[in-house]
Protein backbone atom coordinates (compact mmCIF):
# COMPACT_ATOMS: atom_id res chain seq x y z
CA UNK A 1 153.39 76.59 -106.86
CA UNK A 2 151.94 78.59 -103.95
CA UNK A 3 149.66 75.70 -102.93
CA UNK A 4 152.59 73.29 -102.98
CA UNK A 5 154.59 75.60 -100.74
CA UNK A 6 151.73 75.92 -98.26
CA UNK A 7 151.35 72.13 -98.18
CA UNK A 8 155.08 71.75 -97.55
CA UNK A 9 154.96 74.26 -94.73
CA UNK A 10 151.88 72.52 -93.27
CA UNK A 11 153.58 69.12 -93.51
CA UNK A 12 156.73 70.47 -91.92
CA UNK A 13 154.71 72.03 -89.11
CA UNK A 14 152.92 68.74 -88.46
CA UNK A 15 156.20 66.84 -88.38
CA UNK A 16 157.75 69.42 -86.07
CA UNK A 17 154.70 69.35 -83.79
CA UNK A 18 154.83 65.55 -83.69
CA UNK A 19 158.51 65.65 -82.82
CA UNK A 20 157.86 68.15 -80.04
CA UNK A 21 154.98 66.05 -78.74
CA UNK A 22 157.16 62.94 -78.69
CA UNK A 23 159.88 64.89 -76.90
CA UNK A 24 157.37 66.01 -74.27
CA UNK A 25 156.21 62.42 -73.86
CA UNK A 26 159.80 61.30 -73.49
CA UNK A 27 160.44 63.96 -70.85
CA UNK A 28 157.24 63.00 -69.06
CA UNK A 29 158.34 59.37 -68.95
CA UNK A 30 161.64 60.24 -67.31
CA UNK A 31 161.53 59.31 -63.60
CA UNK A 32 161.30 62.37 -61.38
CA UNK A 33 162.20 63.00 -57.76
CA UNK A 34 159.14 63.08 -55.49
CA UNK A 35 159.06 64.43 -51.94
CA UNK A 36 157.34 61.91 -49.65
CA UNK A 37 157.55 63.93 -46.42
CA UNK A 38 155.94 67.36 -46.38
CA UNK A 39 157.96 68.65 -43.43
CA UNK A 40 154.94 69.29 -41.22
CA UNK A 41 152.77 66.15 -40.96
CA UNK A 42 152.74 62.37 -41.19
CA UNK A 43 150.54 62.28 -44.28
CA UNK A 44 151.43 59.07 -46.12
CA UNK A 45 153.13 57.54 -43.08
CA UNK A 46 151.92 55.37 -40.19
CA UNK A 47 153.31 53.83 -36.98
CA UNK A 48 152.10 51.14 -34.62
CA UNK A 49 152.83 53.57 -31.77
CA UNK A 50 152.36 57.12 -33.08
CA UNK A 51 153.26 58.60 -29.69
CA UNK A 52 156.92 57.82 -30.33
CA UNK A 53 157.07 60.04 -33.42
CA UNK A 54 156.80 63.80 -33.89
CA UNK A 55 157.75 66.50 -36.38
CA UNK A 56 160.19 69.10 -35.10
CA UNK A 57 161.85 71.85 -37.15
CA UNK A 58 160.84 70.16 -40.38
CA UNK A 59 162.24 66.78 -39.40
CA UNK A 60 160.66 63.46 -38.45
CA UNK A 61 161.83 62.89 -34.89
CA UNK A 62 161.81 59.99 -32.45
CA UNK A 63 163.14 60.40 -28.95
CA UNK A 64 163.89 57.98 -26.14
CA UNK A 65 165.06 59.12 -22.70
CA UNK A 66 166.36 57.62 -19.50
CA UNK A 67 162.89 58.15 -18.03
CA UNK A 68 161.13 56.74 -21.10
CA UNK A 69 163.50 54.32 -22.82
CA UNK A 70 162.75 52.46 -26.04
CA UNK A 71 162.34 48.86 -24.93
CA UNK A 72 161.58 47.69 -28.49
CA UNK A 73 162.28 48.76 -32.04
CA UNK A 74 159.77 51.30 -33.38
CA UNK A 75 159.10 52.00 -37.05
CA UNK A 76 157.47 54.80 -39.00
CA UNK A 77 156.37 53.25 -42.30
CA UNK A 78 155.79 54.95 -45.64
CA UNK A 79 152.31 53.64 -46.36
CA UNK A 80 151.32 54.87 -49.81
CA UNK A 81 152.94 52.10 -51.82
CA UNK A 82 155.85 49.66 -51.62
CA UNK A 83 159.10 50.53 -53.35
CA UNK A 84 160.64 48.31 -56.01
CA UNK A 85 163.44 49.77 -58.13
CA UNK A 86 164.13 53.27 -56.87
CA UNK A 87 166.52 55.95 -55.72
CA UNK A 88 166.08 57.43 -52.27
CA UNK A 89 167.63 60.56 -50.82
CA UNK A 90 167.16 61.65 -47.23
CA UNK A 91 169.00 63.49 -44.50
CA UNK A 92 169.47 61.66 -41.24
CA UNK A 93 171.18 62.03 -37.89
CA UNK A 94 171.49 59.85 -34.79
CA UNK A 95 172.26 61.81 -31.62
CA UNK A 96 173.27 60.18 -28.33
CA UNK A 97 176.04 60.21 -25.76
CA UNK A 98 175.70 56.43 -25.61
CA UNK A 99 176.63 53.62 -27.99
CA UNK A 100 173.35 53.31 -29.91
CA UNK A 101 172.05 51.84 -33.15
CA UNK A 102 169.59 53.07 -35.77
CA UNK A 103 168.80 53.37 -39.45
CA UNK A 104 166.04 52.67 -41.94
CA UNK A 105 164.54 49.65 -43.67
CA UNK A 106 163.90 49.34 -47.42
CA UNK A 107 162.30 46.64 -49.57
CA UNK A 108 161.25 45.23 -46.20
CA UNK A 109 158.24 43.57 -44.59
CA UNK A 110 156.18 44.43 -41.52
CA UNK A 111 155.31 41.31 -39.51
CA UNK A 112 154.22 40.21 -36.04
CA UNK A 113 157.09 38.43 -34.33
CA UNK A 114 158.02 38.66 -30.67
CA UNK A 115 156.59 42.16 -30.85
CA UNK A 116 153.78 43.40 -33.14
CA UNK A 117 154.59 45.41 -36.24
CA UNK A 118 158.25 44.47 -36.34
CA UNK A 119 160.22 44.84 -39.56
CA UNK A 120 162.56 42.53 -41.45
CA UNK A 121 164.57 42.84 -44.63
CA UNK A 122 167.21 45.13 -46.10
CA UNK A 123 168.43 47.96 -43.89
CA UNK A 124 170.82 50.89 -43.87
CA UNK A 125 172.29 50.42 -40.40
CA UNK A 126 174.25 52.91 -38.29
CA UNK A 127 176.00 52.61 -34.96
CA UNK A 128 177.70 55.32 -32.91
CA UNK A 129 181.05 54.76 -31.20
CA UNK A 130 182.11 52.17 -33.77
CA UNK A 131 184.66 52.31 -36.54
CA UNK A 132 182.23 51.04 -39.19
CA UNK A 133 179.51 53.71 -38.64
CA UNK A 134 177.29 52.61 -41.55
CA UNK A 135 176.65 49.33 -43.38
CA UNK A 136 174.11 47.46 -45.49
CA UNK A 137 172.31 44.93 -43.32
CA UNK A 138 169.61 42.24 -43.43
CA UNK A 139 167.33 42.52 -40.39
CA UNK A 140 166.18 39.06 -39.17
CA UNK A 141 168.16 37.56 -42.04
CA UNK A 142 171.82 37.29 -42.98
CA UNK A 143 172.81 40.28 -40.81
CA UNK A 144 175.78 42.18 -42.28
CA UNK A 145 175.65 42.25 -46.07
CA UNK A 146 178.44 44.79 -46.61
CA UNK A 147 180.38 46.82 -44.08
CA UNK A 148 181.41 50.36 -44.91
CA UNK A 149 184.12 50.00 -47.53
CA UNK A 150 182.87 46.71 -48.98
CA UNK A 151 181.18 45.40 -52.10
CA UNK A 152 179.56 41.99 -51.58
CA UNK A 153 178.14 39.72 -54.27
CA UNK A 154 175.86 36.86 -53.23
CA UNK A 155 175.63 34.15 -55.88
CA UNK A 156 172.70 31.83 -56.63
CA UNK A 157 173.82 29.46 -53.84
CA UNK A 158 173.97 32.26 -51.28
CA UNK A 159 177.77 32.31 -51.20
CA UNK A 160 179.28 35.75 -50.61
CA UNK A 161 182.34 37.25 -52.28
CA UNK A 162 183.54 40.54 -50.83
CA UNK A 163 185.96 43.05 -52.31
CA UNK A 164 187.13 46.39 -50.87
CA UNK A 165 185.85 49.81 -51.86
CA UNK A 166 188.93 51.88 -51.15
CA UNK A 167 187.13 55.22 -51.36
CA UNK A 168 184.90 54.24 -48.40
CA UNK A 169 187.62 52.87 -46.13
CA UNK A 170 190.05 54.53 -43.77
CA UNK A 171 189.44 56.28 -40.49
CA UNK A 172 185.85 57.24 -39.54
CA UNK A 173 185.07 60.22 -41.70
CA UNK A 174 181.81 61.55 -40.34
CA UNK A 175 179.90 62.00 -37.09
CA UNK A 176 176.49 60.31 -36.98
CA UNK A 177 175.26 63.13 -34.75
CA UNK A 178 175.52 65.57 -37.65
CA UNK A 179 173.14 65.79 -40.59
CA UNK A 180 174.24 63.74 -43.61
CA UNK A 181 172.59 62.94 -46.92
CA UNK A 182 172.04 59.26 -47.66
CA UNK A 183 171.57 58.29 -51.31
CA UNK A 184 170.37 54.72 -51.76
CA UNK A 185 169.95 53.11 -55.18
CA UNK A 186 168.11 49.81 -55.70
CA UNK A 187 168.01 48.49 -59.26
CA UNK A 188 167.20 44.82 -59.67
CA UNK A 189 169.61 42.86 -57.51
CA UNK A 190 172.05 45.79 -57.12
CA UNK A 191 172.00 47.94 -53.97
CA UNK A 192 174.33 50.94 -53.74
CA UNK A 193 174.69 53.39 -50.85
CA UNK A 194 176.31 56.82 -50.83
CA UNK A 195 176.73 59.20 -47.89
CA UNK A 196 177.31 62.86 -48.73
CA UNK A 197 178.04 61.83 -52.32
CA UNK A 198 180.71 59.35 -51.26
CA UNK A 199 180.35 55.65 -52.05
CA UNK A 200 179.91 53.66 -48.82
CA UNK A 201 178.83 50.10 -49.63
CA UNK A 202 177.44 47.94 -52.42
CA UNK A 203 175.58 44.63 -52.55
CA UNK A 204 174.56 42.45 -55.47
CA UNK A 205 172.03 39.93 -54.17
CA UNK A 206 171.63 37.07 -56.63
CA UNK A 207 170.49 34.62 -53.93
CA UNK A 208 166.90 33.67 -54.88
CA UNK A 209 166.23 32.36 -51.38
CA UNK A 210 166.99 35.72 -49.78
CA UNK A 211 166.62 38.55 -52.30
CA UNK A 212 163.73 41.01 -52.17
CA UNK A 213 162.65 43.16 -55.11
CA UNK A 214 159.90 45.17 -53.40
CA UNK A 215 158.84 46.21 -49.93
CA UNK A 216 158.26 49.01 -47.46
CA UNK A 217 160.41 51.94 -46.47
CA UNK A 218 160.47 52.25 -42.67
CA UNK A 219 162.35 54.67 -40.43
CA UNK A 220 163.66 53.18 -37.20
CA UNK A 221 163.97 54.11 -33.54
CA UNK A 222 166.06 51.28 -32.15
CA UNK A 223 165.70 49.91 -28.64
CA UNK A 224 168.42 50.93 -26.23
CA UNK A 225 169.74 53.91 -24.27
CA UNK A 226 168.53 57.49 -24.65
CA UNK A 227 168.81 58.83 -28.19
CA UNK A 228 167.26 61.15 -30.76
CA UNK A 229 166.82 60.08 -34.38
CA UNK A 230 165.75 62.48 -37.10
CA UNK A 231 165.00 62.31 -40.83
CA UNK A 232 164.17 65.08 -43.30
CA UNK A 233 164.21 66.05 -46.98
CA UNK A 234 162.99 62.57 -47.96
CA UNK A 235 162.71 62.11 -51.72
CA UNK A 236 162.12 59.09 -53.93
CA UNK A 237 162.64 58.50 -57.63
CA UNK A 238 160.72 55.41 -58.76
CA UNK A 239 162.53 53.58 -61.53
CA UNK A 240 161.00 51.29 -64.17
CA UNK A 241 161.71 47.62 -63.53
CA UNK A 242 164.21 46.39 -66.08
């Protein structure tokens, strides 16, 4: 009787331990947020022209001035590995008294075009002194994919159908010169963008001739008048490909 009880306890302990182990494995398999900018250095990042980029007050910074304008687009590229399905969170601001453009590339490609180390592909695109402020864009491709306040679906023939996102429409509701958190989600053909927790734009790209499922993340200093662009608190959650 005593031996049987001990065996039962031992069996129960083994089963419990196995369950706990499986739970730990399950927790370990859950995608986690990873910081990819340490706030002090460019470890894990590279640029064709490093002189354009600096770290100031914990933020990646690129600055153009009237005396030293940006005559081309510059990119700071996350170099450790390309991103496929993922979530990205970062804080970004674009400061200028002029009408300027800027943003960041994702699932994109570095190539040598008219200038070396240019970038093409999907982009979160901003522009000051405009009513649209932020959109999903295709650099060197189809251009605007979805304006702020739009959801666009591209079918297998590349035809686009656009419907409104009422929660993202209306008067301009933020200043690009202030810090804002961008939350980008890329899962398969679906691309979703939030700013400060508010849905901005969505794209479903089912066009096999245009869609990209993997590529680089690249921060941009756009050509144009004097401006300051900054990025900080950059985190990625890599998602399993479905």
